[in-house]
Amino acid sequence: MDKAFWHQRWQEGRIGFHQDEVHPALPEYWDYAPHGASGVVFVPLCGKSNDMVWLAQQGWQVIGVELSAVAIEDFFAAQGLVPERSAINESLALYEAGAYRLYCGDLFHLHRDQLAEVCAVYDRASLVALPEPMRHRYAFHLAQMLSPGVSMLLISLEHEKPTGPPFSVEQEEIQWLFGANFELNQQAKLPEDDRNVVDVVYRMRRKGRHNAPRVTSKLPA
């Protein structure tokens, strides 16, 4: 699976992985509110997800990265926004409008400086989109880019299909991928859907001395 695979899927409109509705686990388990102007959330492999709209409605500034310019342009058009586009380098372009700052290009070409403001991460469709060899690279890359104390909500999938995407990534592998660099807690397994797929929700926090921008819990003490 390479970049051409995803470009072709978006160009041909074969995006069955895209969901028009906000994922039900997001409002249920995203229990932090942004603290002042420092509320920046990172959404890797964001596509044109309406989960980003929900996050912005809660007061977050959204940084995303997506390989396909088609997806990014569709997202802004759906929101009635005309983004300003600027070239960062040969492999990354930046689209900005409203609460959204979306990078177009390879996730692995993002640098730590571009995520310096991030205090939370939302991964609904990134980890499960990657084949096994790339999942290890992804987890390591996130750990390198994120400051200690950054919170993360991860929604993984479990199913018995032999191929993907989306791939089945079970708890044992998630612990192996992230356990060295993140505190990790499984929060819930959602009911099996009509595709015989189970969504599994994890809360994570980057280990190390906490120096990330603050987030404020919305839950009662």
Foldseek 3Di string as FASTA:
>chain_A
DDLVVVQVCLVVVVPPVADADADPVCVVPVFWAADPPLAEEEEEQCQLHCNVVVNVVSPHQYEYEHQYPSRVVVNCVVVVHDWDWDDPDPFWIWTDDDSYIYIHGDPLPDALVVCQSAQEYEYEQDLQQDPDVVNLVVLVSVLRNDDFFRKYKYKAKAADDPDDVRHHDDPVNVCVRHVVFKDKDWDDWDDQDPVRMIITIMMITGDDDDDHRDIGGNDDD
